[in-house]
Amino acid sequence: MSPHLDPKQLDALLAVAEHASFSKAAVALRLTLAAVSLRVSALEESLGQRLLVRGKRVTATPSGAKLLAHVRQVRLMEADVVGELQGHN
């Protein structure tokens, strides 16, 4: 069975990547630093690979960059669909 992509874990990954920091991502998501770290770690574990390089400034691994591009694309498509649906009400 293939791994399921958990939306909360993806939110955490995206926030960390956009802020280049776990602590700034935690503030943006209104979560604890531990919660953000656990979500990203759980996602990495479910996929069997590191998605972020942890350091003074957090960066995506090649696999992380690929997943982040996918997440961003899906979010844009979701926004388009919601906009279309709301426009037809």
Protein backbone atom coordinates (compact mmCIF):
# COMPACT_ATOMS: atom_id res chain seq x y z
CA MET A 1 0.00 0.00 0.00
CA SER A 2 1.38 3.40 -0.93
CA PRO A 3 1.81 6.08 1.75
CA HIS A 4 -0.99 8.53 2.31
CA LEU A 5 -0.08 12.23 2.12
CA ASP A 6 -1.52 13.79 5.25
CA PRO A 7 -2.67 17.40 4.65
CA LYS A 8 -1.49 18.58 8.07
CA GLN A 9 1.93 17.10 7.48
CA LEU A 10 2.08 18.73 4.06
CA ASP A 11 1.05 22.08 5.60
CA ALA A 12 3.93 21.76 8.05
CA LEU A 13 6.42 20.85 5.31
CA LEU A 14 5.30 23.77 3.16
CA ALA A 15 5.45 26.24 6.04
CA VAL A 16 8.94 25.12 7.06
CA ALA A 17 10.15 25.38 3.47
CA GLU A 18 8.59 28.80 2.94
CA HIS A 19 9.97 30.19 6.22
CA ALA A 20 13.26 28.23 6.06
CA SER A 21 12.73 27.61 9.78
CA PHE A 22 10.80 25.21 11.97
CA SER A 23 10.24 27.87 14.63
CA LYS A 24 8.91 30.46 12.16
CA ALA A 25 6.70 27.81 10.58
CA ALA A 26 5.32 26.97 14.03
CA VAL A 27 4.40 30.61 14.60
CA ALA A 28 2.78 30.87 11.16
CA LEU A 29 0.76 27.68 11.72
CA ARG A 30 -0.04 28.56 15.34
CA LEU A 31 1.43 25.28 16.51
CA THR A 32 4.23 24.34 18.84
CA LEU A 33 7.68 23.79 17.42
CA ALA A 34 7.42 20.16 18.54
CA ALA A 35 4.15 19.67 16.64
CA VAL A 36 5.64 21.00 13.40
CA SER A 37 8.76 18.90 13.84
CA LEU A 38 6.69 15.77 14.55
CA ARG A 39 4.52 16.32 11.49
CA VAL A 40 7.49 16.73 9.17
CA SER A 41 9.32 13.78 10.73
CA ALA A 42 6.22 11.58 10.38
CA LEU A 43 5.91 12.55 6.71
CA GLU A 44 9.59 11.76 6.13
CA GLU A 45 9.19 8.43 7.89
CA SER A 46 6.11 7.48 5.88
CA LEU A 47 7.94 8.26 2.64
CA GLY A 48 11.19 6.68 3.80
CA GLN A 49 13.41 9.66 3.07
CA ARG A 50 14.54 13.05 4.26
CA LEU A 51 12.64 15.97 2.77
CA LEU A 52 14.45 18.81 4.53
CA VAL A 53 18.06 19.57 5.37
CA ARG A 54 18.06 20.86 8.91
CA GLY A 55 20.52 23.61 9.72
CA LYS A 56 20.64 27.28 10.55
CA ARG A 57 18.50 27.77 7.45
CA VAL A 58 16.29 24.81 6.53
CA THR A 59 16.31 23.81 2.86
CA ALA A 60 14.57 21.11 0.86
CA THR A 61 16.33 17.98 -0.32
CA PRO A 62 15.79 17.07 -3.99
CA SER A 63 12.93 14.78 -2.89
CA GLY A 64 11.53 17.53 -0.68
CA ALA A 65 11.65 20.01 -3.56
CA LYS A 66 9.75 17.57 -5.77
CA LEU A 67 7.06 17.02 -3.12
CA LEU A 68 6.82 20.77 -2.42
CA ALA A 69 6.31 21.49 -6.13
CA HIS A 70 3.51 18.92 -6.15
CA VAL A 71 1.88 20.41 -3.03
CA ARG A 72 2.02 23.92 -4.49
CA GLN A 73 0.51 22.72 -7.77
CA VAL A 74 -2.31 20.89 -5.99
CA ARG A 75 -3.03 23.98 -3.86
CA LEU A 76 -3.28 26.14 -6.99
CA MET A 77 -5.63 23.63 -8.63
CA GLU A 78 -7.77 23.50 -5.48
CA ALA A 79 -7.96 27.30 -5.41
CA ASP A 80 -9.03 27.33 -9.08
CA VAL A 81 -11.79 24.77 -8.46
CA VAL A 82 -13.06 26.57 -5.36
CA GLY A 83 -13.07 29.86 -7.28
CA GLU A 84 -15.01 28.29 -10.13
CA LEU A 85 -17.52 26.68 -7.81
CA GLN A 86 -18.06 29.86 -5.86
CA GLY A 87 -18.47 31.78 -9.10
CA HIS A 88 -21.33 29.50 -10.15
CA ASN A 89 -23.39 29.89 -6.98
